[in-house]
Amino acid sequence: NSGTVVAGSATTVNLQCNPISYTIGIATHCTHETNTSTTYAVVTTSPAQPNANYSATVTGPSVVSGGTQSGVLNGSGGVNLQATVSQYGTYNWSVTVGTVNNTAQSVVQLTPTNTCQ
């Protein structure tokens, strides 16, 4: 946009701003301990949204801690999240950065080798 500013007069400038377009990636994995498991969500943004605010939730059969989280993405536009769960099953992560949302699943299942998948 362009315009003329005259000294001593009021000037109104209308700016046309395009919203920043970005995506959220979520990679999940889990670990199994004796009585609980931990589900992880590795969150990235592309292009990177460093220091942006995020909120995240994880739902499933039995979330013990970490079900609701919020904060600021790191300087690379990402964050590593984790939640403790006490039952096997499917856990659903939902992450919002600004106005963009994405979801991912983490299946907590004990394998024959006593590991988590």
PDB file of N, CA and C in Angstrom:
ATOM      1  N   ASN A   1       0.840  -1.186   0.000  1.00  0.00           N
ATOM      2  CA  ASN A   1       0.000   0.000   0.000  1.00  0.00           C
ATOM      3  C   ASN A   1       0.879   1.241   0.000  1.00  0.00           C
ATOM      4  N   SER A   2       0.332   2.331  -0.485  1.00  0.00           N
ATOM      5  CA  SER A   2       1.089   3.577  -0.504  1.00  0.00           C
ATOM      6  C   SER A   2       0.154   4.714  -0.135  1.00  0.00           C
ATOM      7  N   GLY A   3       0.734   5.836   0.203  1.00  0.00           N
ATOM      8  CA  GLY A   3      -0.055   6.998   0.557  1.00  0.00           C
ATOM      9  C   GLY A   3       0.850   8.189   0.767  1.00  0.00           C
ATOM     10  N   THR A   4       0.259   9.321   1.025  1.00  0.00           N
ATOM     11  CA  THR A   4       1.014  10.545   1.263  1.00  0.00           C
ATOM     12  C   THR A   4       0.744  11.011   2.671  1.00  0.00           C
ATOM     13  N   VAL A   5       1.816  11.321   3.380  1.00  0.00           N
ATOM     14  CA  VAL A   5       1.684  11.838   4.734  1.00  0.00           C
ATOM     15  C   VAL A   5       1.997  13.329   4.689  1.00  0.00           C
ATOM     16  N   VAL A   6       1.061  14.144   5.191  1.00  0.00           N
ATOM     17  CA  VAL A   6       1.223  15.597   5.211  1.00  0.00           C
ATOM     18  C   VAL A   6       1.501  16.008   6.647  1.00  0.00           C
ATOM     19  N   ALA A   7       2.588  16.745   6.844  1.00  0.00           N
ATOM     20  CA  ALA A   7       2.970  17.194   8.182  1.00  0.00           C
ATOM     21  C   ALA A   7       1.831  17.958   8.834  1.00  0.00           C
ATOM     22  N   GLY A   8       1.564  17.634  10.098  1.00  0.00           N
ATOM     23  CA  GLY A   8       0.546  18.346  10.856  1.00  0.00           C
ATOM     24  C   GLY A   8      -0.865  17.856  10.628  1.00  0.00           C
ATOM     25  N   SER A   9      -1.064  16.818   9.829  1.00  0.00           N
ATOM     26  CA  SER A   9      -2.412  16.308   9.584  1.00  0.00           C
ATOM     27  C   SER A   9      -2.503  14.853  10.035  1.00  0.00           C
ATOM     28  N   ALA A  10      -3.702  14.415  10.297  1.00  0.00           N
ATOM     29  CA  ALA A  10      -3.933  13.027  10.687  1.00  0.00           C
ATOM     30  C   ALA A  10      -3.885  12.143   9.446  1.00  0.00           C
ATOM     31  N   THR A  11      -3.262  11.003   9.586  1.00  0.00           N
ATOM     32  CA  THR A  11      -3.136  10.096   8.457  1.00  0.00           C
ATOM     33  C   THR A  11      -3.578   8.706   8.884  1.00  0.00           C
ATOM     34  N   THR A  12      -4.370   8.054   8.069  1.00  0.00           N
ATOM     35  CA  THR A  12      -4.789   6.682   8.316  1.00  0.00           C
ATOM     36  C   THR A  12      -4.155   5.793   7.268  1.00  0.00           C
ATOM     37  N   VAL A  13      -3.521   4.726   7.728  1.00  0.00           N
ATOM     38  CA  VAL A  13      -2.897   3.789   6.806  1.00  0.00           C
ATOM     39  C   VAL A  13      -3.567   2.433   6.995  1.00  0.00           C
ATOM     40  N   ASN A  14      -4.073   1.862   5.934  1.00  0.00           N
ATOM     41  CA  ASN A  14      -4.671   0.534   5.969  1.00  0.00           C
ATOM     42  C   ASN A  14      -3.664  -0.455   5.390  1.00  0.00           C
ATOM     43  N   LEU A  15      -3.216  -1.375   6.213  1.00  0.00           N
ATOM     44  CA  LEU A  15      -2.243  -2.360   5.772  1.00  0.00           C
ATOM     45  C   LEU A  15      -2.938  -3.676   5.486  1.00  0.00           C
ATOM     46  N   GLN A  16      -2.552  -4.305   4.418  1.00  0.00           N
ATOM     47  CA  GLN A  16      -3.062  -5.630   4.076  1.00  0.00           C
ATOM     48  C   GLN A  16      -2.020  -6.654   4.505  1.00  0.00           C
ATOM     49  N   CYS A  17      -2.315  -7.411   5.528  1.00  0.00           N
ATOM     50  CA  CYS A  17      -1.373  -8.408   6.044  1.00  0.00           C
ATOM     51  C   CYS A  17      -1.871  -9.805   5.698  1.00  0.00           C
ATOM     52  N   ASN A  18      -0.995 -10.589   5.156  1.00  0.00           N
ATOM     53  CA  ASN A  18      -1.329 -11.980   4.878  1.00  0.00           C
ATOM     54  C   ASN A  18      -0.952 -12.828   6.081  1.00  0.00           C
ATOM     55  N   PRO A  19      -1.841 -13.717   6.516  1.00  0.00           N
ATOM     56  CA  PRO A  19      -1.494 -14.571   7.657  1.00  0.00           C
ATOM     57  C   PRO A  19      -0.323 -15.493   7.302  1.00  0.00           C
ATOM     58  N   ILE A  20       0.478 -15.793   8.308  1.00  0.00           N
ATOM     59  CA  ILE A  20       1.597 -16.709   8.107  1.00  0.00           C
ATOM     60  C   ILE A  20       1.054 -18.127   8.025  1.00  0.00           C
ATOM     61  N   SER A  21       1.445 -18.833   6.989  1.00  0.00           N
ATOM     62  CA  SER A  21       0.988 -20.206   6.804  1.00  0.00           C
ATOM     63  C   SER A  21       2.074 -21.159   7.287  1.00  0.00           C
ATOM     64  N   TYR A  22       1.703 -22.103   8.142  1.00  0.00           N
ATOM     65  CA  TYR A  22       2.646 -23.088   8.651  1.00  0.00           C
ATOM     66  C   TYR A  22       1.895 -24.358   9.022  1.00  0.00           C
ATOM     67  N   THR A  23       2.641 -25.423   9.179  1.00  0.00           N
ATOM     68  CA  THR A  23       2.045 -26.694   9.568  1.00  0.00           C
ATOM     69  C   THR A  23       2.683 -27.180  10.863  1.00  0.00           C
ATOM     70  N   ILE A  24       1.967 -28.062  11.540  1.00  0.00           N
ATOM     71  CA  ILE A  24       2.451 -28.687  12.767  1.00  0.00           C
ATOM     72  C   ILE A  24       2.671 -30.164  12.490  1.00  0.00           C
ATOM     73  N   GLY A  25       3.846 -30.655  12.827  1.00  0.00           N
ATOM     74  CA  GLY A  25       4.131 -32.086  12.738  1.00  0.00           C
ATOM     75  C   GLY A  25       4.168 -32.680  14.131  1.00  0.00           C
ATOM     76  N   ILE A  26       3.652 -33.891  14.283  1.00  0.00           N
ATOM     77  CA  ILE A  26       3.677 -34.576  15.573  1.00  0.00           C
ATOM     78  C   ILE A  26       4.140 -36.008  15.350  1.00  0.00           C
ATOM     79  N   ALA A  27       5.274 -36.354  15.939  1.00  0.00           N
ATOM     80  CA  ALA A  27       5.769 -37.733  15.905  1.00  0.00           C
ATOM     81  C   ALA A  27       5.605 -38.315  17.308  1.00  0.00           C
ATOM     82  N   THR A  28       4.991 -39.490  17.410  1.00  0.00           N
ATOM     83  CA  THR A  28       4.735 -40.075  18.724  1.00  0.00           C
ATOM     84  C   THR A  28       5.527 -41.363  18.915  1.00  0.00           C
ATOM     85  N   HIS A  29       5.814 -41.649  20.157  1.00  0.00           N
ATOM     86  CA  HIS A  29       6.401 -42.924  20.558  1.00  0.00           C
ATOM     87  C   HIS A  29       6.108 -43.114  22.040  1.00  0.00           C
ATOM     88  N   CYS A  30       6.486 -44.254  22.588  1.00  0.00           N
ATOM     89  CA  CYS A  30       6.222 -44.484  24.005  1.00  0.00           C
ATOM     90  C   CYS A  30       7.286 -45.384  24.605  1.00  0.00           C
ATOM     91  N   THR A  31       7.345 -45.379  25.924  1.00  0.00           N
ATOM     92  CA  THR A  31       8.225 -46.282  26.668  1.00  0.00           C
ATOM     93  C   THR A  31       7.390 -46.962  27.732  1.00  0.00           C
ATOM     94  N   HIS A  32       7.838 -48.135  28.147  1.00  0.00           N
ATOM     95  CA  HIS A  32       7.107 -48.887  29.164  1.00  0.00           C
ATOM     96  C   HIS A  32       7.984 -49.068  30.394  1.00  0.00           C
ATOM     97  N   GLU A  33       7.448 -48.716  31.554  1.00  0.00           N
ATOM     98  CA  GLU A  33       8.111 -48.941  32.828  1.00  0.00           C
ATOM     99  C   GLU A  33       7.361 -50.050  33.556  1.00  0.00           C
ATOM    100  N   THR A  34       7.666 -50.296  34.806  1.00  0.00           N
ATOM    101  CA  THR A  34       7.052 -51.393  35.546  1.00  0.00           C
ATOM    102  C   THR A  34       5.541 -51.255  35.676  1.00  0.00           C
ATOM    103  N   ASN A  35       5.063 -50.126  36.183  1.00  0.00           N
ATOM    104  CA  ASN A  35       3.626 -49.954  36.421  1.00  0.00           C
ATOM    105  C   ASN A  35       2.963 -48.906  35.535  1.00  0.00           C
ATOM    106  N   THR A  36       3.759 -48.167  34.798  1.00  0.00           N
ATOM    107  CA  THR A  36       3.207 -47.111  33.942  1.00  0.00           C
ATOM    108  C   THR A  36       3.942 -47.107  32.603  1.00  0.00           C
ATOM    109  N   SER A  37       3.400 -46.350  31.696  1.00  0.00           N
ATOM    110  CA  SER A  37       4.051 -46.106  30.413  1.00  0.00           C
ATOM    111  C   SER A  37       4.061 -44.601  30.198  1.00  0.00           C
ATOM    112  N   THR A  38       4.920 -44.172  29.297  1.00  0.00           N
ATOM    113  CA  THR A  38       4.983 -42.763  28.944  1.00  0.00           C
ATOM    114  C   THR A  38       4.782 -42.646  27.448  1.00  0.00           C
ATOM    115  N   THR A  39       3.856 -41.775  27.051  1.00  0.00           N
ATOM    116  CA  THR A  39       3.652 -41.489  25.640  1.00  0.00           C
ATOM    117  C   THR A  39       4.269 -40.123  25.353  1.00  0.00           C
ATOM    118  N   TYR A  40       4.984 -40.035  24.241  1.00  0.00           N
ATOM    119  CA  TYR A  40       5.710 -38.824  23.877  1.00  0.00           C
ATOM    120  C   TYR A  40       5.161 -38.255  22.573  1.00  0.00           C
ATOM    121  N   ALA A  41       5.201 -36.940  22.473  1.00  0.00           N
ATOM    122  CA  ALA A  41       4.857 -36.249  21.224  1.00  0.00           C
ATOM    123  C   ALA A  41       5.975 -35.258  20.932  1.00  0.00           C
ATOM    124  N   VAL A  42       6.665 -35.468  19.824  1.00  0.00           N
ATOM    125  CA  VAL A  42       7.705 -34.547  19.377  1.00  0.00           C
ATOM    126  C   VAL A  42       7.049 -33.619  18.358  1.00  0.00           C
ATOM    127  N   VAL A  43       6.908 -32.356  18.724  1.00  0.00           N
ATOM    128  CA  VAL A  43       6.165 -31.382  17.931  1.00  0.00           C
ATOM    129  C   VAL A  43       7.142 -30.491  17.162  1.00  0.00           C
ATOM    130  N   THR A  44       6.883 -30.317  15.867  1.00  0.00           N
ATOM    131  CA  THR A  44       7.667 -29.413  15.029  1.00  0.00           C
ATOM    132  C   THR A  44       6.716 -28.500  14.268  1.00  0.00           C
ATOM    133  N   THR A  45       7.223 -27.357  13.832  1.00  0.00           N
ATOM    134  CA  THR A  45       6.452 -26.467  12.969  1.00  0.00           C
ATOM    135  C   THR A  45       7.268 -26.189  11.708  1.00  0.00           C
ATOM    136  N   SER A  46       6.571 -26.056  10.579  1.00  0.00           N
ATOM    137  CA  SER A  46       7.254 -25.798   9.309  1.00  0.00           C
ATOM    138  C   SER A  46       6.454 -24.785   8.506  1.00  0.00           C
ATOM    139  N   PRO A  47       7.035 -23.632   8.146  1.00  0.00           N
ATOM    140  CA  PRO A  47       8.336 -23.195   8.630  1.00  0.00           C
ATOM    141  C   PRO A  47       8.306 -22.995  10.143  1.00  0.00           C
ATOM    142  N   ALA A  48       9.486 -23.018  10.737  1.00  0.00           N
ATOM    143  CA  ALA A  48       9.613 -22.934  12.198  1.00  0.00           C
ATOM    144  C   ALA A  48       8.907 -21.695  12.746  1.00  0.00           C
ATOM    145  N   GLN A  49       8.236 -21.901  13.873  1.00  0.00           N
ATOM    146  CA  GLN A  49       7.552 -20.815  14.577  1.00  0.00           C
ATOM    147  C   GLN A  49       8.193 -20.651  15.960  1.00  0.00           C
ATOM    148  N   PRO A  50       9.443 -20.167  16.010  1.00  0.00           N
ATOM    149  CA  PRO A  50      10.134 -20.076  17.294  1.00  0.00           C
ATOM    150  C   PRO A  50       9.399 -19.175  18.273  1.00  0.00           C
ATOM    151  N   ASN A  51       9.384 -19.607  19.532  1.00  0.00           N
ATOM    152  CA  ASN A  51       8.808 -18.841  20.643  1.00  0.00           C
ATOM    153  C   ASN A  51       7.308 -18.611  20.530  1.00  0.00           C
ATOM    154  N   ALA A  52       6.631 -19.393  19.689  1.00  0.00           N
ATOM    155  CA  ALA A  52       5.170 -19.288  19.583  1.00  0.00           C
ATOM    156  C   ALA A  52       4.519 -20.028  20.750  1.00  0.00           C
ATOM    157  N   ASN A  53       3.370 -19.579  21.166  1.00  0.00           N
ATOM    158  CA  ASN A  53       2.626 -20.253  22.233  1.00  0.00           C
ATOM    159  C   ASN A  53       1.979 -21.518  21.698  1.00  0.00           C
ATOM    160  N   TYR A  54       1.952 -22.558  22.513  1.00  0.00           N
ATOM    161  CA  TYR A  54       1.289 -23.800  22.142  1.00  0.00           C
ATOM    162  C   TYR A  54       0.425 -24.276  23.300  1.00  0.00           C
ATOM    163  N   SER A  55      -0.545 -25.109  22.976  1.00  0.00           N
ATOM    164  CA  SER A  55      -1.312 -25.851  23.983  1.00  0.00           C
ATOM    165  C   SER A  55      -1.462 -27.270  23.452  1.00  0.00           C
ATOM    166  N   ALA A  56      -1.473 -28.225  24.374  1.00  0.00           N
ATOM    167  CA  ALA A  56      -1.550 -29.628  23.975  1.00  0.00           C
ATOM    168  C   ALA A  56      -2.374 -30.404  24.978  1.00  0.00           C
ATOM    169  N   THR A  57      -3.095 -31.395  24.463  1.00  0.00           N
ATOM    170  CA  THR A  57      -3.820 -32.322  25.325  1.00  0.00           C
ATOM    171  C   THR A  57      -3.575 -33.736  24.829  1.00  0.00           C
ATOM    172  N   VAL A  58      -3.631 -34.670  25.755  1.00  0.00           N
ATOM    173  CA  VAL A  58      -3.595 -36.089  25.391  1.00  0.00           C
ATOM    174  C   VAL A  58      -4.733 -36.762  26.140  1.00  0.00           C
ATOM    175  N   THR A  59      -5.490 -37.565  25.411  1.00  0.00           N
ATOM    176  CA  THR A  59      -6.614 -38.278  26.003  1.00  0.00           C
ATOM    177  C   THR A  59      -6.473 -39.756  25.693  1.00  0.00           C
ATOM    178  N   GLY A  60      -7.044 -40.576  26.547  1.00  0.00           N
ATOM    179  CA  GLY A  60      -6.992 -42.021  26.357  1.00  0.00           C
ATOM    180  C   GLY A  60      -7.524 -42.720  27.591  1.00  0.00           C
ATOM    181  N   PRO A  61      -7.322 -44.029  27.663  1.00  0.00           N
ATOM    182  CA  PRO A  61      -7.917 -44.819  28.741  1.00  0.00           C
ATOM    183  C   PRO A  61      -7.535 -44.381  30.149  1.00  0.00           C
ATOM    184  N   SER A  62      -6.283 -43.949  30.378  1.00  0.00           N
ATOM    185  CA  SER A  62      -5.887 -43.606  31.743  1.00  0.00           C
ATOM    186  C   SER A  62      -4.650 -42.708  31.749  1.00  0.00           C
ATOM    187  N   VAL A  63      -4.873 -41.410  31.564  1.00  0.00           N
ATOM    188  CA  VAL A  63      -3.781 -40.444  31.630  1.00  0.00           C
ATOM    189  C   VAL A  63      -3.569 -40.085  33.101  1.00  0.00           C
ATOM    190  N   VAL A  64      -2.371 -40.349  33.610  1.00  0.00           N
ATOM    191  CA  VAL A  64      -2.058 -40.087  35.015  1.00  0.00           C
ATOM    192  C   VAL A  64      -1.572 -38.653  35.203  1.00  0.00           C
ATOM    193  N   SER A  65      -0.676 -38.192  34.331  1.00  0.00           N
ATOM    194  CA  SER A  65      -0.178 -36.818  34.407  1.00  0.00           C
ATOM    195  C   SER A  65       0.221 -36.353  33.012  1.00  0.00           C
ATOM    196  N   GLY A  66       0.213 -35.039  32.821  1.00  0.00           N
ATOM    197  CA  GLY A  66       0.595 -34.467  31.538  1.00  0.00           C
ATOM    198  C   GLY A  66      -0.531 -34.404  30.531  1.00  0.00           C
ATOM    199  N   GLY A  67      -1.776 -34.538  30.980  1.00  0.00           N
ATOM    200  CA  GLY A  67      -2.912 -34.543  30.064  1.00  0.00           C
ATOM    201  C   GLY A  67      -3.171 -33.219  29.379  1.00  0.00           C
ATOM    202  N   THR A  68      -2.836 -32.120  30.055  1.00  0.00           N
ATOM    203  CA  THR A  68      -2.989 -30.788  29.480  1.00  0.00           C
ATOM    204  C   THR A  68      -1.691 -30.033  29.711  1.00  0.00           C
ATOM    205  N   GLN A  69      -1.139 -29.489  28.630  1.00  0.00           N
ATOM    206  CA  GLN A  69       0.129 -28.780  28.725  1.00  0.00           C
ATOM    207  C   GLN A  69       0.072 -27.530  27.858  1.00  0.00           C
ATOM    208  N   SER A  70       0.846 -26.523  28.233  1.00  0.00           N
ATOM    209  CA  SER A  70       0.955 -25.315  27.419  1.00  0.00           C
ATOM    210  C   SER A  70       2.297 -24.667  27.704  1.00  0.00           C
ATOM    211  N   GLY A  71       2.709 -23.815  26.793  1.00  0.00           N
ATOM    212  CA  GLY A  71       3.979 -23.140  26.965  1.00  0.00           C
ATOM    213  C   GLY A  71       4.385 -22.422  25.698  1.00  0.00           C
ATOM    214  N   VAL A  72       5.707 -22.308  25.518  1.00  0.00           N
ATOM    215  CA  VAL A  72       6.277 -21.601  24.382  1.00  0.00           C
ATOM    216  C   VAL A  72       7.202 -22.560  23.642  1.00  0.00           C
ATOM    217  N   LEU A  73       7.074 -22.611  22.318  1.00  0.00           N
ATOM    218  CA  LEU A  73       7.961 -23.445  21.518  1.00  0.00           C
ATOM    219  C   LEU A  73       9.405 -22.965  21.666  1.00  0.00           C
ATOM    220  N   ASN A  74      10.353 -23.867  21.465  1.00  0.00           N
ATOM    221  CA  ASN A  74      11.765 -23.504  21.570  1.00  0.00           C
ATOM    222  C   ASN A  74      12.194 -22.656  20.368  1.00  0.00           C
ATOM    223  N   GLY A  75      13.462 -22.285  20.335  1.00  0.00           N
ATOM    224  CA  GLY A  75      13.979 -21.432  19.275  1.00  0.00           C
ATOM    225  C   GLY A  75      13.935 -22.048  17.894  1.00  0.00           C
ATOM    226  N   SER A  76      13.779 -23.378  17.834  1.00  0.00           N
ATOM    227  CA  SER A  76      13.649 -24.077  16.546  1.00  0.00           C
ATOM    228  C   SER A  76      12.200 -24.291  16.148  1.00  0.00           C
ATOM    229  N   GLY A  77      11.263 -23.799  16.968  1.00  0.00           N
ATOM    230  CA  GLY A  77       9.839 -23.944  16.657  1.00  0.00           C
ATOM    231  C   GLY A  77       9.286 -25.302  17.010  1.00  0.00           C
ATOM    232  N   GLY A  78       9.820 -25.947  18.044  1.00  0.00           N
ATOM    233  CA  GLY A  78       9.342 -27.264  18.437  1.00  0.00           C
ATOM    234  C   GLY A  78       9.283 -27.421  19.942  1.00  0.00           C
ATOM    235  N   VAL A  79       8.791 -28.574  20.369  1.00  0.00           N
ATOM    236  CA  VAL A  79       8.736 -28.901  21.789  1.00  0.00           C
ATOM    237  C   VAL A  79       8.579 -30.414  21.915  1.00  0.00           C
ATOM    238  N   ASN A  80       9.155 -30.971  22.968  1.00  0.00           N
ATOM    239  CA  ASN A  80       8.998 -32.394  23.277  1.00  0.00           C
ATOM    240  C   ASN A  80       8.046 -32.520  24.456  1.00  0.00           C
ATOM    241  N   LEU A  81       6.942 -33.238  24.246  1.00  0.00           N
ATOM    242  CA  LEU A  81       5.922 -33.399  25.274  1.00  0.00           C
ATOM    243  C   LEU A  81       5.885 -34.844  25.741  1.00  0.00           C
ATOM    244  N   GLN A  82       5.430 -35.062  26.973  1.00  0.00           N
ATOM    245  CA  GLN A  82       5.246 -36.425  27.456  1.00  0.00           C
ATOM    246  C   GLN A  82       4.117 -36.466  28.465  1.00  0.00           C
ATOM    247  N   ALA A  83       3.488 -37.637  28.543  1.00  0.00           N
ATOM    248  CA  ALA A  83       2.408 -37.863  29.499  1.00  0.00           C
ATOM    249  C   ALA A  83       2.553 -39.275  30.058  1.00  0.00           C
ATOM    250  N   THR A  84       2.298 -39.406  31.333  1.00  0.00           N
ATOM    251  CA  THR A  84       2.342 -40.715  31.985  1.00  0.00           C
ATOM    252  C   THR A  84       0.956 -41.339  31.924  1.00  0.00           C
ATOM    253  N   VAL A  85       0.909 -42.614  31.522  1.00  0.00           N
ATOM    254  CA  VAL A  85      -0.362 -43.336  31.416  1.00  0.00           C
ATOM    255  C   VAL A  85      -0.242 -44.649  32.182  1.00  0.00           C
ATOM    256  N   SER A  86      -1.387 -45.181  32.632  1.00  0.00           N
ATOM    257  CA  SER A  86      -1.335 -46.396  33.450  1.00  0.00           C
ATOM    258  C   SER A  86      -2.073 -47.582  32.841  1.00  0.00           C
ATOM    259  N   GLN A  87      -2.563 -47.428  31.612  1.00  0.00           N
ATOM    260  CA  GLN A  87      -3.222 -48.542  30.936  1.00  0.00           C
ATOM    261  C   GLN A  87      -2.793 -48.567  29.473  1.00  0.00           C
ATOM    262  N   TYR A  88      -2.784 -49.751  28.908  1.00  0.00           N
ATOM    263  CA  TYR A  88      -2.510 -49.874  27.487  1.00  0.00           C
ATOM    264  C   TYR A  88      -3.709 -49.346  26.712  1.00  0.00           C
ATOM    265  N   GLY A  89      -3.469 -48.918  25.495  1.00  0.00           N
ATOM    266  CA  GLY A  89      -4.561 -48.434  24.661  1.00  0.00           C
ATOM    267  C   GLY A  89      -4.086 -47.344  23.725  1.00  0.00           C
ATOM    268  N   THR A  90      -5.030 -46.695  23.076  1.00  0.00           N
ATOM    269  CA  THR A  90      -4.744 -45.626  22.132  1.00  0.00           C
ATOM    270  C   THR A  90      -4.887 -44.278  22.824  1.00  0.00           C
ATOM    271  N   TYR A  91      -3.848 -43.465  22.704  1.00  0.00           N
ATOM    272  CA  TYR A  91      -3.838 -42.119  23.283  1.00  0.00           C
ATOM    273  C   TYR A  91      -3.761 -41.114  22.151  1.00  0.00           C
ATOM    274  N   ASN A  92      -4.612 -40.103  22.212  1.00  0.00           N
ATOM    275  CA  ASN A  92      -4.723 -39.116  21.148  1.00  0.00           C
ATOM    276  C   ASN A  92      -4.146 -37.777  21.595  1.00  0.00           C
ATOM    277  N   TRP A  93      -3.110 -37.336  20.888  1.00  0.00           N
ATOM    278  CA  TRP A  93      -2.511 -36.030  21.131  1.00  0.00           C
ATOM    279  C   TRP A  93      -3.187 -34.989  20.236  1.00  0.00           C
ATOM    280  N   SER A  94      -3.433 -33.820  20.781  1.00  0.00           N
ATOM    281  CA  SER A  94      -3.925 -32.680  20.007  1.00  0.00           C
ATOM    282  C   SER A  94      -3.057 -31.485  20.379  1.00  0.00           C
ATOM    283  N   VAL A  95      -2.455 -30.850  19.379  1.00  0.00           N
ATOM    284  CA  VAL A  95      -1.549 -29.728  19.618  1.00  0.00           C
ATOM    285  C   VAL A  95      -2.016 -28.532  18.796  1.00  0.00           C
ATOM    286  N   THR A  96      -2.065 -27.379  19.442  1.00  0.00           N
ATOM    287  CA  THR A  96      -2.424 -26.128  18.775  1.00  0.00           C
ATOM    288  C   THR A  96      -1.284 -25.136  18.946  1.00  0.00           C
ATOM    289  N   VAL A  97      -0.874 -24.544  17.844  1.00  0.00           N
ATOM    290  CA  VAL A  97       0.106 -23.457  17.844  1.00  0.00           C
ATOM    291  C   VAL A  97      -0.556 -22.301  17.129  1.00  0.00           C
ATOM    292  N   GLY A  98      -0.778 -21.207  17.846  1.00  0.00           N
ATOM    293  CA  GLY A  98      -1.513 -20.085  17.265  1.00  0.00           C
ATOM    294  C   GLY A  98      -2.915 -20.530  16.917  1.00  0.00           C
ATOM    295  N   THR A  99      -3.276 -20.478  15.637  1.00  0.00           N
ATOM    296  CA  THR A  99      -4.610 -20.892  15.206  1.00  0.00           C
ATOM    297  C   THR A  99      -4.580 -22.228  14.467  1.00  0.00           C
ATOM    298  N   VAL A 100      -3.411 -22.872  14.408  1.00  0.00           N
ATOM    299  CA  VAL A 100      -3.264 -24.130  13.676  1.00  0.00           C
ATOM    300  C   VAL A 100      -3.297 -25.294  14.659  1.00  0.00           C
ATOM    301  N   ASN A 101      -4.035 -26.350  14.302  1.00  0.00           N
ATOM    302  CA  ASN A 101      -4.160 -27.535  15.152  1.00  0.00           C
ATOM    303  C   ASN A 101      -3.803 -28.779  14.358  1.00  0.00           C
ATOM    304  N   ASN A 102      -3.235 -29.769  15.056  1.00  0.00           N
ATOM    305  CA  ASN A 102      -2.975 -31.063  14.440  1.00  0.00           C
ATOM    306  C   ASN A 102      -3.154 -32.134  15.506  1.00  0.00           C
ATOM    307  N   THR A 103      -3.427 -33.363  15.067  1.00  0.00           N
ATOM    308  CA  THR A 103      -3.616 -34.470  16.006  1.00  0.00           C
ATOM    309  C   THR A 103      -2.756 -35.657  15.582  1.00  0.00           C
ATOM    310  N   ALA A 104      -2.468 -36.524  16.554  1.00  0.00           N
ATOM    311  CA  ALA A 104      -1.724 -37.755  16.281  1.00  0.00           C
ATOM    312  C   ALA A 104      -2.089 -38.775  17.347  1.00  0.00           C
ATOM    313  N   GLN A 105      -1.895 -40.046  17.023  1.00  0.00           N
ATOM    314  CA  GLN A 105      -2.183 -41.124  17.967  1.00  0.00           C
ATOM    315  C   GLN A 105      -0.904 -41.805  18.400  1.00  0.00           C
ATOM    316  N   SER A 106      -0.920 -42.258  19.654  1.00  0.00           N
ATOM    317  CA  SER A 106       0.159 -43.080  20.185  1.00  0.00           C
ATOM    318  C   SER A 106      -0.499 -44.326  20.761  1.00  0.00           C
ATOM    319  N   VAL A 107      -0.118 -45.511  20.254  1.00  0.00           N
ATOM    320  CA  VAL A 107      -0.696 -46.757  20.741  1.00  0.00           C
ATOM    321  C   VAL A 107       0.265 -47.355  21.767  1.00  0.00           C
ATOM    322  N   VAL A 108      -0.194 -47.433  23.001  1.00  0.00           N
ATOM    323  CA  VAL A 108       0.611 -47.998  24.077  1.00  0.00           C
ATOM    324  C   VAL A 108       0.203 -49.457  24.223  1.00  0.00           C
ATOM    325  N   GLN A 109       1.084 -50.343  23.792  1.00  0.00           N
ATOM    326  CA  GLN A 109       0.784 -51.779  23.794  1.00  0.00           C
ATOM    327  C   GLN A 109       2.049 -52.525  24.186  1.00  0.00           C
ATOM    328  N   LEU A 110       1.924 -53.428  25.120  1.00  0.00           N
ATOM    329  CA  LEU A 110       3.065 -54.227  25.530  1.00  0.00           C
ATOM    330  C   LEU A 110       3.315 -55.298  24.474  1.00  0.00           C
ATOM    331  N   THR A 111       4.553 -55.363  24.001  1.00  0.00           N
ATOM    332  CA  THR A 111       4.907 -56.361  22.990  1.00  0.00           C
ATOM    333  C   THR A 111       5.491 -57.591  23.674  1.00  0.00           C
ATOM    334  N   PRO A 112       5.650 -58.690  22.954  1.00  0.00           N
ATOM    335  CA  PRO A 112       6.217 -59.897  23.565  1.00  0.00           C
ATOM    336  C   PRO A 112       7.612 -59.686  24.164  1.00  0.00           C
ATOM    337  N   THR A 113       8.344 -58.702  23.700  1.00  0.00           N
ATOM    338  CA  THR A 113       9.674 -58.432  24.247  1.00  0.00           C
ATOM    339  C   THR A 113       9.637 -57.387  25.352  1.00  0.00           C
ATOM    340  N   ASN A 114       8.447 -57.108  25.886  1.00  0.00           N
ATOM    341  CA  ASN A 114       8.255 -56.176  26.997  1.00  0.00           C
ATOM    342  C   ASN A 114       8.676 -54.754  26.633  1.00  0.00           C
ATOM    343  N   THR A 115       8.411 -54.359  25.407  1.00  0.00           N
ATOM    344  CA  THR A 115       8.662 -52.990  24.987  1.00  0.00           C
ATOM    345  C   THR A 115       7.354 -52.341  24.562  1.00  0.00           C
ATOM    346  N   CYS A 116       7.427 -51.075  24.326  1.00  0.00           N
ATOM    347  CA  CYS A 116       6.230 -50.323  23.955  1.00  0.00           C
ATOM    348  C   CYS A 116       6.272 -50.024  22.466  1.00  0.00           C
ATOM    349  N   GLN A 117       5.099 -50.004  21.824  1.00  0.00           N
ATOM    350  CA  GLN A 117       5.095 -49.639  20.403  1.00  0.00           C
ATOM    351  C   GLN A 117       4.094 -48.532  20.169  1.00  0.00           C
TER     352      GLN A 117
END
